Structure formats: C-alpha cells, structure tokens
Amino acid sequence: MKLTTGLNPYGLTYYLGLQGSGTPRANPTGGVGLEGFIKLTEELGGKAIELWEGWFKTMSDAELAALKTRLDTLGWKRVLSSGLQHGDMDLLIRCAKALDAKYIRVALTPILCGDRAAAGQKWHDLVHSVHEKLEAVVPKLEAADVTLLIENHQDFTSRELVGLCDEYGEHVRIVFDMANTFPVAESPLDFTRVIAPYVRHCHVKDYRVVFEPDGFRLIRCPSGDGCVPHKEMFDILAQHNDEMIACIEIGALDDRHVKLYTPQWWHGYAPKEAEALAACLLAAQKNRYEPGEEWRTPWQRNADHELIDYELGQYRKSAANLKAQGLM
C-alpha cells in the first residue's frame, strides 16, 4: 500500500491560535495560522495536509487558486476538515473543487469519550440528525465527485460507521482516527478489521492510558509512544487498499475520561462480548501511566508558557517515530 503521510492541525491548537481563541487563555501571539502550519508540514517532510474549514471562510477565489498552486507545487495530497453538525457543506464542497481535494473529513456528533448516556435522549436525536444531514449532502457530493469521510470521533462504533457507508453509498467513506477505538470500547485491531475496506484517510494518533476506578483516561502523546499499534493496523488496511493518506494528529489538550466501568455509560450501546471488551482493555495497558505519575498536560496545569514547545515537540517526535517505522 502506498502511504502518503502529513499533518493534521488539531494537536496544534494553541500554536496555531485555535485553542482558547477569544478568551484570556488564548495564545497571546494570535497563533501562526495556516501559513505556520504549512511551514511545519514542510519541516517535518509531510506530503499530505488536512485543512481546517475556518481558514477558508474569508478566502477569495484568487486566494484559493493561489493555495491550490502552492499545494500542487509541493506535490501534497489534501483533505478538508469540518464537522457534520456545524460545517458549511456548500462552502466545503466549493473549496474542495477549487483546491482539487478529493476528500472532506467530518466528525459526526459532538459526543466525546463514548459517553452516549451524557446526551440522554439527545443521542437518538443526534443519530437522526446524522442521517438527515447525510441524506441531504450526498447528492451534492455525487455531483461534485467529492467523497465525505466520516470519522470515528469517540461516538460511533466500527459496525455503525460501516452501516452508514453502506446506506449512503460510495461517496461516504471513513477517516480512521487510529486512537479513537478505545472510547467506544473496541480494541484497535478489532476496529481496523471491521472498517478496513471503507477507510480512505487515517489520523495517526496515539494515547497513553491512566486507569481509574470508573474506567480510564486517554492522554495525548506522540504517535508511536502510546498504546496504538499503528504498524499492525496499517498492515490490515493494506489488505484492502492500494493507497492511503495519513496525517499525524495529537489528541486534545484535555484528557478523555471514558467511564465504561459504570452501568450508565453503556446506555445506547448494543450488548458486547466479554472477549471483545477484554481485547480493548488489554491493548490499553501498553505504555500506560503508572500510579502517581504526572499525566496532566500543560493546559490542564495552567502552564500555558509551555504549550507551544509541548505541541511542537510532540509533532516532531511523532514524525521521527513514524519515519523509524517506515510510515512516513
């Protein structure tokens, strides 16, 4: 499988100026924005880039054309990124055509940590909304010959994502966040085996785990330093795909607390076999935090002066790790 690897912006939110925007904790420099993100991708030797929707909202047609020319000159694959619930799909499709981007990535819901119970009845409303929005956008995707990539964004299981792809056709496929199998109580390898034929793009993310009495916390770390077996997962994907785009992504500056040892967390899920849950919990043990070890990020410790070096350091270490594995 030909793997083209680059960068995703969401683990650089403080450096780029997205984290804390408009609050007292915003990056005082305003962030480096799209230009800084492109330069970092070049520095790390990336050949693909994921572009946040917010950067396009004020771009003229001439600016889009200039960006396309720049990306063409660099020889980079490109993916546009937003969310299904709030994204401007008409804008995204227009920009995808202007930039010659084949894919638009979206998160389907705002649910995190697999916590459907926290949404209550609204979880069912969210699922209904996902179907409504997919039904509305698919004809536009078909007309533009653009594919919508739906992400396992800590909300839907592997089989549920496959069901959406089957229901809405070849213009709906999957962007695989390789660390987001844990929040829905699936092991990385089990999740990969189910979705592999439908994956067109990967977020090469990783976590280290802190085990808690009610479940576990997922803590961001450089890709390759945590519990996600990226090489084995790409080997499975290669059985179904001749080529793949992948972008390094680091997790959020807040931890993700998955409370799956509590009965209420399971509300909204189908019954699960014990062997499958055991595989998830066993996989999470690799490179776990030891009791008493500091796991909080600089953001959580209010050490904002450390954040830029922290974010950049994790991306640079990720690139080095992936290059050592032959994945970049």
C-alpha atoms as a PDB file:
ATOM      1  CA  MET A   1       0.000   0.000   0.000  1.00  0.00           C
ATOM      2  CA  LYS A   2       1.320   3.436  -0.936  1.00  0.00           C
ATOM      3  CA  LEU A   3       1.116   5.584   2.215  1.00  0.00           C
ATOM      4  CA  THR A   4       1.254   9.378   1.899  1.00  0.00           C
ATOM      5  CA  THR A   5       1.765  10.945   5.331  1.00  0.00           C
ATOM      6  CA  GLY A   6       1.453  14.527   6.508  1.00  0.00           C
ATOM      7  CA  LEU A   7      -0.086  16.637   9.285  1.00  0.00           C
ATOM      8  CA  ASN A   8      -3.474  17.328  10.841  1.00  0.00           C
ATOM      9  CA  PRO A   9      -3.895  20.650  12.742  1.00  0.00           C
ATOM     10  CA  TYR A  10      -5.927  19.577  15.771  1.00  0.00           C
ATOM     11  CA  GLY A  11      -2.999  18.714  18.054  1.00  0.00           C
ATOM     12  CA  LEU A  12      -1.525  22.173  17.435  1.00  0.00           C
ATOM     13  CA  THR A  13      -4.494  24.242  18.512  1.00  0.00           C
ATOM     14  CA  TYR A  14      -2.568  26.598  20.821  1.00  0.00           C
ATOM     15  CA  TYR A  15       0.366  27.030  18.428  1.00  0.00           C
ATOM     16  CA  LEU A  16      -1.988  27.720  15.517  1.00  0.00           C
ATOM     17  CA  GLY A  17      -4.184  30.095  17.543  1.00  0.00           C
ATOM     18  CA  LEU A  18      -7.315  27.939  17.776  1.00  0.00           C
ATOM     19  CA  GLN A  19      -7.248  26.873  21.453  1.00  0.00           C
ATOM     20  CA  GLY A  20      -8.715  29.442  23.815  1.00  0.00           C
ATOM     21  CA  SER A  21      -9.474  31.848  20.970  1.00  0.00           C
ATOM     22  CA  GLY A  22     -11.187  34.960  22.287  1.00  0.00           C
ATOM     23  CA  THR A  23     -10.503  34.104  25.948  1.00  0.00           C
ATOM     24  CA  PRO A  24      -7.847  35.233  28.436  1.00  0.00           C
ATOM     25  CA  ARG A  25      -6.056  31.927  27.753  1.00  0.00           C
ATOM     26  CA  ALA A  26      -5.693  32.488  24.020  1.00  0.00           C
ATOM     27  CA  ASN A  27      -2.225  32.348  22.502  1.00  0.00           C
ATOM     28  CA  PRO A  28      -1.014  35.938  23.042  1.00  0.00           C
ATOM     29  CA  THR A  29       0.713  35.923  19.647  1.00  0.00           C
ATOM     30  CA  GLY A  30      -2.555  35.033  17.920  1.00  0.00           C
ATOM     31  CA  GLY A  31      -1.015  31.848  16.583  1.00  0.00           C
ATOM     32  CA  VAL A  32       0.839  31.092  13.370  1.00  0.00           C
ATOM     33  CA  GLY A  33      -2.294  30.113  11.422  1.00  0.00           C
ATOM     34  CA  LEU A  34      -2.354  28.330   8.083  1.00  0.00           C
ATOM     35  CA  GLU A  35       0.995  29.709   6.940  1.00  0.00           C
ATOM     36  CA  GLY A  36       2.759  28.367  10.041  1.00  0.00           C
ATOM     37  CA  PHE A  37       1.012  25.026   9.632  1.00  0.00           C
ATOM     38  CA  ILE A  38       2.219  24.682   6.042  1.00  0.00           C
ATOM     39  CA  LYS A  39       5.773  25.532   7.098  1.00  0.00           C
ATOM     40  CA  LEU A  40       5.713  22.913   9.861  1.00  0.00           C
ATOM     41  CA  THR A  41       4.431  20.294   7.428  1.00  0.00           C
ATOM     42  CA  GLU A  42       7.342  21.138   5.141  1.00  0.00           C
ATOM     43  CA  GLU A  43       9.805  20.991   8.033  1.00  0.00           C
ATOM     44  CA  LEU A  44       8.684  17.509   9.029  1.00  0.00           C
ATOM     45  CA  GLY A  45       8.743  16.193   5.478  1.00  0.00           C
ATOM     46  CA  GLY A  46       4.985  15.757   5.155  1.00  0.00           C
ATOM     47  CA  LYS A  47       3.404  15.017   1.793  1.00  0.00           C
ATOM     48  CA  ALA A  48      -0.241  15.486   2.851  1.00  0.00           C
ATOM     49  CA  ILE A  49      -2.120  18.170   4.752  1.00  0.00           C
ATOM     50  CA  GLU A  50      -5.512  18.428   6.425  1.00  0.00           C
ATOM     51  CA  LEU A  51      -7.014  21.906   6.188  1.00  0.00           C
ATOM     52  CA  TRP A  52      -9.447  23.335   8.758  1.00  0.00           C
ATOM     53  CA  GLU A  53     -12.670  24.845   7.420  1.00  0.00           C
ATOM     54  CA  GLY A  54     -12.187  28.081   9.362  1.00  0.00           C
ATOM     55  CA  TRP A  55      -9.248  29.027   7.173  1.00  0.00           C
ATOM     56  CA  PHE A  56     -11.484  29.136   4.103  1.00  0.00           C
ATOM     57  CA  LYS A  57     -14.281  31.355   5.364  1.00  0.00           C
ATOM     58  CA  THR A  58     -12.616  34.601   4.352  1.00  0.00           C
ATOM     59  CA  MET A  59     -10.638  33.327   1.333  1.00  0.00           C
ATOM     60  CA  SER A  60     -11.370  34.813  -2.069  1.00  0.00           C
ATOM     61  CA  ASP A  61     -11.401  32.716  -5.225  1.00  0.00           C
ATOM     62  CA  ALA A  62      -7.988  34.147  -6.084  1.00  0.00           C
ATOM     63  CA  GLU A  63      -6.586  33.120  -2.686  1.00  0.00           C
ATOM     64  CA  LEU A  64      -7.974  29.614  -3.094  1.00  0.00           C
ATOM     65  CA  ALA A  65      -6.389  29.388  -6.532  1.00  0.00           C
ATOM     66  CA  ALA A  66      -3.061  30.542  -5.106  1.00  0.00           C
ATOM     67  CA  LEU A  67      -3.264  27.941  -2.329  1.00  0.00           C
ATOM     68  CA  LYS A  68      -4.011  25.212  -4.868  1.00  0.00           C
ATOM     69  CA  THR A  69      -0.992  26.232  -6.941  1.00  0.00           C
ATOM     70  CA  ARG A  70       1.199  26.143  -3.841  1.00  0.00           C
ATOM     71  CA  LEU A  71      -0.011  22.696  -2.800  1.00  0.00           C
ATOM     72  CA  ASP A  72       0.383  21.426  -6.367  1.00  0.00           C
ATOM     73  CA  THR A  73       3.966  22.696  -6.425  1.00  0.00           C
ATOM     74  CA  LEU A  74       4.672  20.930  -3.130  1.00  0.00           C
ATOM     75  CA  GLY A  75       3.058  17.775  -4.508  1.00  0.00           C
ATOM     76  CA  TRP A  76       0.858  17.359  -1.414  1.00  0.00           C
ATOM     77  CA  LYS A  77      -2.346  15.392  -1.016  1.00  0.00           C
ATOM     78  CA  ARG A  78      -5.036  17.491   0.670  1.00  0.00           C
ATOM     79  CA  VAL A  79      -8.108  16.849   2.821  1.00  0.00           C
ATOM     80  CA  LEU A  80     -10.596  19.482   4.032  1.00  0.00           C
ATOM     81  CA  SER A  81     -11.876  19.206   7.598  1.00  0.00           C
ATOM     82  CA  SER A  82     -15.019  20.209   9.493  1.00  0.00           C
ATOM     83  CA  GLY A  83     -17.976  18.732  11.383  1.00  0.00           C
ATOM     84  CA  LEU A  84     -21.262  17.436  10.022  1.00  0.00           C
ATOM     85  CA  GLN A  85     -23.387  19.210  12.651  1.00  0.00           C
ATOM     86  CA  HIS A  86     -21.963  22.711  12.169  1.00  0.00           C
ATOM     87  CA  GLY A  87     -19.954  22.655   8.945  1.00  0.00           C
ATOM     88  CA  ASP A  88     -20.908  24.676   5.885  1.00  0.00           C
ATOM     89  CA  MET A  89     -21.077  21.812   3.407  1.00  0.00           C
ATOM     90  CA  ASP A  90     -21.666  24.058   0.402  1.00  0.00           C
ATOM     91  CA  LEU A  91     -18.530  26.053   1.259  1.00  0.00           C
ATOM     92  CA  LEU A  92     -16.523  22.877   1.819  1.00  0.00           C
ATOM     93  CA  ILE A  93     -17.576  21.312  -1.469  1.00  0.00           C
ATOM     94  CA  ARG A  94     -16.815  24.543  -3.336  1.00  0.00           C
ATOM     95  CA  CYS A  95     -13.372  24.755  -1.727  1.00  0.00           C
ATOM     96  CA  ALA A  96     -12.703  21.070  -2.342  1.00  0.00           C
ATOM     97  CA  LYS A  97     -13.341  21.616  -6.039  1.00  0.00           C
ATOM     98  CA  ALA A  98     -11.215  24.767  -6.085  1.00  0.00           C
ATOM     99  CA  LEU A  99      -8.313  23.004  -4.341  1.00  0.00           C
ATOM    100  CA  ASP A 100      -8.700  19.730  -6.234  1.00  0.00           C
ATOM    101  CA  ALA A 101      -9.256  17.900  -2.934  1.00  0.00           C
ATOM    102  CA  LYS A 102     -10.952  14.520  -3.216  1.00  0.00           C
ATOM    103  CA  TYR A 103     -11.996  14.297   0.428  1.00  0.00           C
ATOM    104  CA  ILE A 104     -13.841  16.257   3.114  1.00  0.00           C
ATOM    105  CA  ARG A 105     -13.432  14.928   6.648  1.00  0.00           C
ATOM    106  CA  VAL A 106     -16.205  15.430   9.218  1.00  0.00           C
ATOM    107  CA  ALA A 107     -16.888  14.495  12.805  1.00  0.00           C
ATOM    108  CA  LEU A 108     -20.489  13.298  13.016  1.00  0.00           C
ATOM    109  CA  THR A 109     -21.506  14.460  16.516  1.00  0.00           C
ATOM    110  CA  PRO A 110     -20.070  16.426  19.451  1.00  0.00           C
ATOM    111  CA  ILE A 111     -20.125  13.328  21.702  1.00  0.00           C
ATOM    112  CA  LEU A 112     -16.757  12.508  23.300  1.00  0.00           C
ATOM    113  CA  CYS A 113     -15.434   9.673  25.468  1.00  0.00           C
ATOM    114  CA  GLY A 114     -18.040   7.320  24.017  1.00  0.00           C
ATOM    115  CA  ASP A 115     -20.463   8.822  26.512  1.00  0.00           C
ATOM    116  CA  ARG A 116     -23.828   8.491  24.795  1.00  0.00           C
ATOM    117  CA  ALA A 117     -25.574   8.449  28.169  1.00  0.00           C
ATOM    118  CA  ALA A 118     -24.412  12.015  28.819  1.00  0.00           C
ATOM    119  CA  ALA A 119     -26.532  13.105  25.865  1.00  0.00           C
ATOM    120  CA  GLY A 120     -29.593  11.281  27.196  1.00  0.00           C
ATOM    121  CA  GLN A 121     -32.435  11.190  24.688  1.00  0.00           C
ATOM    122  CA  LYS A 122     -30.431  13.631  22.609  1.00  0.00           C
ATOM    123  CA  TRP A 123     -28.198  10.757  21.468  1.00  0.00           C
ATOM    124  CA  HIS A 124     -31.092   9.377  19.441  1.00  0.00           C
ATOM    125  CA  ASP A 125     -31.779  12.881  18.137  1.00  0.00           C
ATOM    126  CA  LEU A 126     -28.123  13.201  17.110  1.00  0.00           C
ATOM    127  CA  VAL A 127     -28.233   9.907  15.228  1.00  0.00           C
ATOM    128  CA  HIS A 128     -31.389  11.044  13.446  1.00  0.00           C
ATOM    129  CA  SER A 129     -29.669  14.338  12.583  1.00  0.00           C
ATOM    130  CA  VAL A 130     -26.663  12.479  11.148  1.00  0.00           C
ATOM    131  CA  HIS A 131     -28.953  10.557   8.813  1.00  0.00           C
ATOM    132  CA  GLU A 132     -30.804  13.717   7.766  1.00  0.00           C
ATOM    133  CA  LYS A 133     -27.605  15.610   7.022  1.00  0.00           C
ATOM    134  CA  LEU A 134     -26.006  12.730   5.121  1.00  0.00           C
ATOM    135  CA  GLU A 135     -29.135  12.265   3.043  1.00  0.00           C
ATOM    136  CA  ALA A 136     -29.117  15.973   2.163  1.00  0.00           C
ATOM    137  CA  VAL A 137     -25.419  16.229   1.277  1.00  0.00           C
ATOM    138  CA  VAL A 138     -24.842  13.000  -0.675  1.00  0.00           C
ATOM    139  CA  PRO A 139     -26.414  14.298  -3.951  1.00  0.00           C
ATOM    140  CA  LYS A 140     -24.132  17.355  -3.767  1.00  0.00           C
ATOM    141  CA  LEU A 141     -21.093  15.132  -3.178  1.00  0.00           C
ATOM    142  CA  GLU A 142     -22.030  12.970  -6.141  1.00  0.00           C
ATOM    143  CA  ALA A 143     -22.448  15.994  -8.395  1.00  0.00           C
ATOM    144  CA  ALA A 144     -19.048  17.360  -7.365  1.00  0.00           C
ATOM    145  CA  ASP A 145     -17.349  13.930  -7.314  1.00  0.00           C
ATOM    146  CA  VAL A 146     -16.115  14.565  -3.773  1.00  0.00           C
ATOM    147  CA  THR A 147     -16.127  11.951  -1.004  1.00  0.00           C
ATOM    148  CA  LEU A 148     -17.231  12.698   2.549  1.00  0.00           C
ATOM    149  CA  LEU A 149     -15.071  10.941   5.125  1.00  0.00           C
ATOM    150  CA  ILE A 150     -16.907  10.279   8.394  1.00  0.00           C
ATOM    151  CA  GLU A 151     -14.672   9.989  11.458  1.00  0.00           C
ATOM    152  CA  ASN A 152     -14.831   7.647  14.416  1.00  0.00           C
ATOM    153  CA  HIS A 153     -14.833  10.690  16.679  1.00  0.00           C
ATOM    154  CA  GLN A 154     -15.393   8.849  20.001  1.00  0.00           C
ATOM    155  CA  ASP A 155     -19.084   8.369  19.240  1.00  0.00           C
ATOM    156  CA  PHE A 156     -19.876   5.620  16.685  1.00  0.00           C
ATOM    157  CA  THR A 157     -18.687   2.013  16.724  1.00  0.00           C
ATOM    158  CA  SER A 158     -16.935   0.313  13.831  1.00  0.00           C
ATOM    159  CA  ARG A 159     -20.049  -1.515  12.631  1.00  0.00           C
ATOM    160  CA  GLU A 160     -22.204   1.596  12.897  1.00  0.00           C
ATOM    161  CA  LEU A 161     -19.775   3.509  10.664  1.00  0.00           C
ATOM    162  CA  VAL A 162     -19.779   0.708   8.113  1.00  0.00           C
ATOM    163  CA  GLY A 163     -23.588   0.748   8.197  1.00  0.00           C
ATOM    164  CA  LEU A 164     -23.607   4.450   7.318  1.00  0.00           C
ATOM    165  CA  CYS A 165     -21.226   3.867   4.413  1.00  0.00           C
ATOM    166  CA  ASP A 166     -23.363   1.037   3.074  1.00  0.00           C
ATOM    167  CA  GLU A 167     -26.534   3.080   3.417  1.00  0.00           C
ATOM    168  CA  TYR A 168     -25.296   6.245   1.704  1.00  0.00           C
ATOM    169  CA  GLY A 169     -23.034   4.829  -0.981  1.00  0.00           C
ATOM    170  CA  GLU A 170     -19.540   5.228  -2.327  1.00  0.00           C
ATOM    171  CA  HIS A 171     -19.328   8.976  -1.674  1.00  0.00           C
ATOM    172  CA  VAL A 172     -19.448   8.319   2.086  1.00  0.00           C
ATOM    173  CA  ARG A 173     -16.364   6.570   3.430  1.00  0.00           C
ATOM    174  CA  ILE A 174     -14.287   6.605   6.637  1.00  0.00           C
ATOM    175  CA  VAL A 175     -11.437   8.668   8.045  1.00  0.00           C
ATOM    176  CA  PHE A 176      -9.944   6.412  10.697  1.00  0.00           C
ATOM    177  CA  ASP A 177      -8.748   8.037  13.920  1.00  0.00           C
ATOM    178  CA  MET A 178      -6.474   5.182  14.945  1.00  0.00           C
ATOM    179  CA  ALA A 179      -6.636   6.009  18.682  1.00  0.00           C
ATOM    180  CA  ASN A 180     -10.384   6.568  18.900  1.00  0.00           C
ATOM    181  CA  THR A 181     -11.302   2.905  19.147  1.00  0.00           C
ATOM    182  CA  PHE A 182     -10.816   2.918  22.938  1.00  0.00           C
ATOM    183  CA  PRO A 183     -13.588   5.462  23.702  1.00  0.00           C
ATOM    184  CA  VAL A 184     -16.185   3.082  22.230  1.00  0.00           C
ATOM    185  CA  ALA A 185     -14.695   0.027  23.994  1.00  0.00           C
ATOM    186  CA  GLU A 186     -13.122  -1.574  20.912  1.00  0.00           C
ATOM    187  CA  SER A 187      -9.518  -2.672  20.506  1.00  0.00           C
ATOM    188  CA  PRO A 188      -7.505  -1.012  17.736  1.00  0.00           C
ATOM    189  CA  LEU A 189      -7.033  -4.221  15.745  1.00  0.00           C
ATOM    190  CA  ASP A 190     -10.668  -5.349  16.049  1.00  0.00           C
ATOM    191  CA  PHE A 191     -11.912  -1.927  14.910  1.00  0.00           C
ATOM    192  CA  THR A 192      -9.487  -1.912  11.977  1.00  0.00           C
ATOM    193  CA  ARG A 193     -10.594  -5.335  10.722  1.00  0.00           C
ATOM    194  CA  VAL A 194     -14.228  -4.195  10.539  1.00  0.00           C
ATOM    195  CA  ILE A 195     -13.739  -0.857   8.763  1.00  0.00           C
ATOM    196  CA  ALA A 196     -10.653  -1.559   6.606  1.00  0.00           C
ATOM    197  CA  PRO A 197     -12.391  -1.755   3.187  1.00  0.00           C
ATOM    198  CA  TYR A 198     -14.049   1.642   3.769  1.00  0.00           C
ATOM    199  CA  VAL A 199     -11.047   3.660   5.028  1.00  0.00           C
ATOM    200  CA  ARG A 200      -9.583   6.348   2.763  1.00  0.00           C
ATOM    201  CA  HIS A 201      -7.657   8.504   5.246  1.00  0.00           C
ATOM    202  CA  CYS A 202      -6.110   7.948   8.688  1.00  0.00           C
ATOM    203  CA  HIS A 203      -5.382  10.149  11.672  1.00  0.00           C
ATOM    204  CA  VAL A 204      -2.191   8.667  13.093  1.00  0.00           C
ATOM    205  CA  LYS A 205      -2.938   9.439  16.739  1.00  0.00           C
ATOM    206  CA  ASP A 206      -1.870   7.772  19.968  1.00  0.00           C
ATOM    207  CA  TYR A 207      -2.750   7.764  23.646  1.00  0.00           C
ATOM    208  CA  ARG A 208      -1.284   6.695  26.947  1.00  0.00           C
ATOM    209  CA  VAL A 209      -3.823   5.466  29.465  1.00  0.00           C
ATOM    210  CA  VAL A 210      -4.444   6.258  33.130  1.00  0.00           C
ATOM    211  CA  PHE A 211      -6.654   3.594  34.685  1.00  0.00           C
ATOM    212  CA  GLU A 212      -9.308   4.885  37.097  1.00  0.00           C
ATOM    213  CA  PRO A 213     -11.885   3.174  39.364  1.00  0.00           C
ATOM    214  CA  ASP A 214     -14.655   4.063  36.860  1.00  0.00           C
ATOM    215  CA  GLY A 215     -12.725   3.376  33.630  1.00  0.00           C
ATOM    216  CA  PHE A 216      -9.719   5.101  32.125  1.00  0.00           C
ATOM    217  CA  ARG A 217      -8.373   8.422  30.919  1.00  0.00           C
ATOM    218  CA  LEU A 218      -6.812   8.829  27.487  1.00  0.00           C
ATOM    219  CA  ILE A 219      -3.833  11.203  27.494  1.00  0.00           C
ATOM    220  CA  ARG A 220      -2.268  12.690  24.366  1.00  0.00           C
ATOM    221  CA  CYS A 221       1.260  11.663  23.467  1.00  0.00           C
ATOM    222  CA  PRO A 222       3.499  11.500  20.383  1.00  0.00           C
ATOM    223  CA  SER A 223       2.294   8.958  17.843  1.00  0.00           C
ATOM    224  CA  GLY A 224       4.312   5.826  18.478  1.00  0.00           C
ATOM    225  CA  ASP A 225       4.827   6.457  22.202  1.00  0.00           C
ATOM    226  CA  GLY A 226       1.464   5.112  23.388  1.00  0.00           C
ATOM    227  CA  CYS A 227      -0.729   2.049  23.129  1.00  0.00           C
ATOM    228  CA  VAL A 228      -1.855   2.200  19.490  1.00  0.00           C
ATOM    229  CA  PRO A 229      -0.243  -0.447  17.223  1.00  0.00           C
ATOM    230  CA  HIS A 230      -0.074   1.681  14.077  1.00  0.00           C
ATOM    231  CA  LYS A 231       2.145  -0.660  12.044  1.00  0.00           C
ATOM    232  CA  GLU A 232      -0.148  -3.662  12.588  1.00  0.00           C
ATOM    233  CA  MET A 233      -3.202  -1.534  11.788  1.00  0.00           C
ATOM    234  CA  PHE A 234      -1.690  -0.294   8.526  1.00  0.00           C
ATOM    235  CA  ASP A 235      -0.858  -3.895   7.641  1.00  0.00           C
ATOM    236  CA  ILE A 236      -4.560  -4.747   7.926  1.00  0.00           C
ATOM    237  CA  LEU A 237      -5.575  -1.680   5.921  1.00  0.00           C
ATOM    238  CA  ALA A 238      -3.087  -2.656   3.202  1.00  0.00           C
ATOM    239  CA  GLN A 239      -5.035  -5.865   2.588  1.00  0.00           C
ATOM    240  CA  HIS A 240      -7.934  -3.754   1.282  1.00  0.00           C
ATOM    241  CA  ASN A 241      -6.331  -0.560  -0.067  1.00  0.00           C
ATOM    242  CA  ASP A 242      -3.678   0.183  -2.688  1.00  0.00           C
ATOM    243  CA  GLU A 243      -3.045   3.684  -1.341  1.00  0.00           C
ATOM    244  CA  MET A 244      -3.845   5.728   1.750  1.00  0.00           C
ATOM    245  CA  ILE A 245      -3.500   9.282   3.024  1.00  0.00           C
ATOM    246  CA  ALA A 246      -2.447   9.569   6.673  1.00  0.00           C
ATOM    247  CA  CYS A 247      -1.951  12.641   8.847  1.00  0.00           C
ATOM    248  CA  ILE A 248      -0.264  12.864  12.222  1.00  0.00           C
ATOM    249  CA  GLU A 249      -2.752  14.072  14.814  1.00  0.00           C
ATOM    250  CA  ILE A 250      -2.119  14.533  18.514  1.00  0.00           C
ATOM    251  CA  GLY A 251      -5.047  14.348  20.938  1.00  0.00           C
ATOM    252  CA  ALA A 252      -6.733  17.238  22.709  1.00  0.00           C
ATOM    253  CA  LEU A 253      -5.086  19.282  25.467  1.00  0.00           C
ATOM    254  CA  ASP A 254      -7.723  17.889  27.847  1.00  0.00           C
ATOM    255  CA  ASP A 255      -7.807  14.197  28.709  1.00  0.00           C
ATOM    256  CA  ARG A 256     -10.704  11.967  27.610  1.00  0.00           C
ATOM    257  CA  HIS A 257     -12.288  10.192  30.579  1.00  0.00           C
ATOM    258  CA  VAL A 258     -14.029   7.006  29.419  1.00  0.00           C
ATOM    259  CA  LYS A 259     -16.250   5.790  32.281  1.00  0.00           C
ATOM    260  CA  LEU A 260     -17.018   2.344  30.921  1.00  0.00           C
ATOM    261  CA  TYR A 261     -16.904   0.637  34.328  1.00  0.00           C
ATOM    262  CA  THR A 262     -20.168   2.395  35.189  1.00  0.00           C
ATOM    263  CA  PRO A 263     -23.537   0.882  34.135  1.00  0.00           C
ATOM    264  CA  GLN A 264     -24.917   4.145  32.767  1.00  0.00           C
ATOM    265  CA  TRP A 265     -22.034   4.553  30.277  1.00  0.00           C
ATOM    266  CA  TRP A 266     -23.356   1.545  28.325  1.00  0.00           C
ATOM    267  CA  HIS A 267     -26.788   3.079  27.685  1.00  0.00           C
ATOM    268  CA  GLY A 268     -27.311   3.309  23.934  1.00  0.00           C
ATOM    269  CA  TYR A 269     -24.850   0.547  23.051  1.00  0.00           C
ATOM    270  CA  ALA A 270     -25.576  -2.927  21.770  1.00  0.00           C
ATOM    271  CA  PRO A 271     -24.515  -5.827  24.040  1.00  0.00           C
ATOM    272  CA  LYS A 272     -20.787  -6.567  23.852  1.00  0.00           C
ATOM    273  CA  GLU A 273     -18.950  -9.861  24.059  1.00  0.00           C
ATOM    274  CA  ALA A 274     -16.592 -10.196  27.007  1.00  0.00           C
ATOM    275  CA  GLU A 275     -13.705 -11.247  24.744  1.00  0.00           C
ATOM    276  CA  ALA A 276     -14.005  -8.051  22.695  1.00  0.00           C
ATOM    277  CA  LEU A 277     -14.019  -5.845  25.792  1.00  0.00           C
ATOM    278  CA  ALA A 278     -11.056  -7.753  27.204  1.00  0.00           C
ATOM    279  CA  ALA A 279      -9.117  -7.112  23.980  1.00  0.00           C
ATOM    280  CA  CYS A 280      -9.748  -3.367  24.351  1.00  0.00           C
ATOM    281  CA  LEU A 281      -8.626  -3.280  27.982  1.00  0.00           C
ATOM    282  CA  LEU A 282      -5.548  -5.395  27.274  1.00  0.00           C
ATOM    283  CA  ALA A 283      -4.469  -3.153  24.387  1.00  0.00           C
ATOM    284  CA  ALA A 284      -4.802  -0.086  26.641  1.00  0.00           C
ATOM    285  CA  GLN A 285      -2.205  -1.491  29.038  1.00  0.00           C
ATOM    286  CA  LYS A 286       0.733  -0.848  26.702  1.00  0.00           C
ATOM    287  CA  ASN A 287       2.869   2.126  27.831  1.00  0.00           C
ATOM    288  CA  ARG A 288       0.252   3.012  30.458  1.00  0.00           C
ATOM    289  CA  TYR A 289       0.855   5.598  33.148  1.00  0.00           C
ATOM    290  CA  GLU A 290       1.986   4.206  36.478  1.00  0.00           C
ATOM    291  CA  PRO A 291       0.127   5.211  39.666  1.00  0.00           C
ATOM    292  CA  GLY A 292       1.275   8.637  40.835  1.00  0.00           C
ATOM    293  CA  GLU A 293       2.896   9.567  37.517  1.00  0.00           C
ATOM    294  CA  GLU A 294       2.017  13.088  36.326  1.00  0.00           C
ATOM    295  CA  TRP A 295      -0.248  12.877  33.301  1.00  0.00           C
ATOM    296  CA  ARG A 296      -1.787  16.332  33.102  1.00  0.00           C
ATOM    297  CA  THR A 297      -0.932  18.420  30.028  1.00  0.00           C
ATOM    298  CA  PRO A 298       0.441  21.969  30.386  1.00  0.00           C
ATOM    299  CA  TRP A 299      -3.046  23.236  29.512  1.00  0.00           C
ATOM    300  CA  GLN A 300      -4.524  21.325  32.443  1.00  0.00           C
ATOM    301  CA  ARG A 301      -1.738  22.557  34.761  1.00  0.00           C
ATOM    302  CA  ASN A 302      -2.289  26.179  33.641  1.00  0.00           C
ATOM    303  CA  ALA A 303       1.295  26.203  32.345  1.00  0.00           C
ATOM    304  CA  ASP A 304       0.423  27.973  29.109  1.00  0.00           C
ATOM    305  CA  HIS A 305       4.017  29.169  28.664  1.00  0.00           C
ATOM    306  CA  GLU A 306       4.956  25.524  27.990  1.00  0.00           C
ATOM    307  CA  LEU A 307       2.277  24.823  25.391  1.00  0.00           C
ATOM    308  CA  ILE A 308       3.973  25.793  22.137  1.00  0.00           C
ATOM    309  CA  ASP A 309       7.106  23.754  22.845  1.00  0.00           C
ATOM    310  CA  TYR A 310       4.899  20.920  24.104  1.00  0.00           C
ATOM    311  CA  GLU A 311       2.756  20.776  20.960  1.00  0.00           C
ATOM    312  CA  LEU A 312       5.652  21.175  18.533  1.00  0.00           C
ATOM    313  CA  GLY A 313       7.741  18.646  20.434  1.00  0.00           C
ATOM    314  CA  GLN A 314       5.011  16.030  20.201  1.00  0.00           C
ATOM    315  CA  TYR A 315       4.603  16.522  16.450  1.00  0.00           C
ATOM    316  CA  ARG A 316       8.347  16.358  15.840  1.00  0.00           C
ATOM    317  CA  LYS A 317       8.666  13.210  17.960  1.00  0.00           C
ATOM    318  CA  SER A 318       5.700  11.668  16.115  1.00  0.00           C
ATOM    319  CA  ALA A 319       7.322  12.309  12.740  1.00  0.00           C
ATOM    320  CA  ALA A 320      10.567  10.751  13.938  1.00  0.00           C
ATOM    321  CA  ASN A 321       8.702   7.705  15.276  1.00  0.00           C
ATOM    322  CA  LEU A 322       6.755   7.175  12.054  1.00  0.00           C
ATOM    323  CA  LYS A 323       9.869   7.568   9.905  1.00  0.00           C
ATOM    324  CA  ALA A 324      11.618   4.945  12.034  1.00  0.00           C
ATOM    325  CA  GLN A 325       8.699   2.552  11.343  1.00  0.00           C
ATOM    326  CA  GLY A 326       8.664   3.290   7.620  1.00  0.00           C
ATOM    327  CA  LEU A 327       5.269   5.008   7.905  1.00  0.00           C
ATOM    328  CA  MET A 328       6.381   8.482   6.793  1.00  0.00           C
END
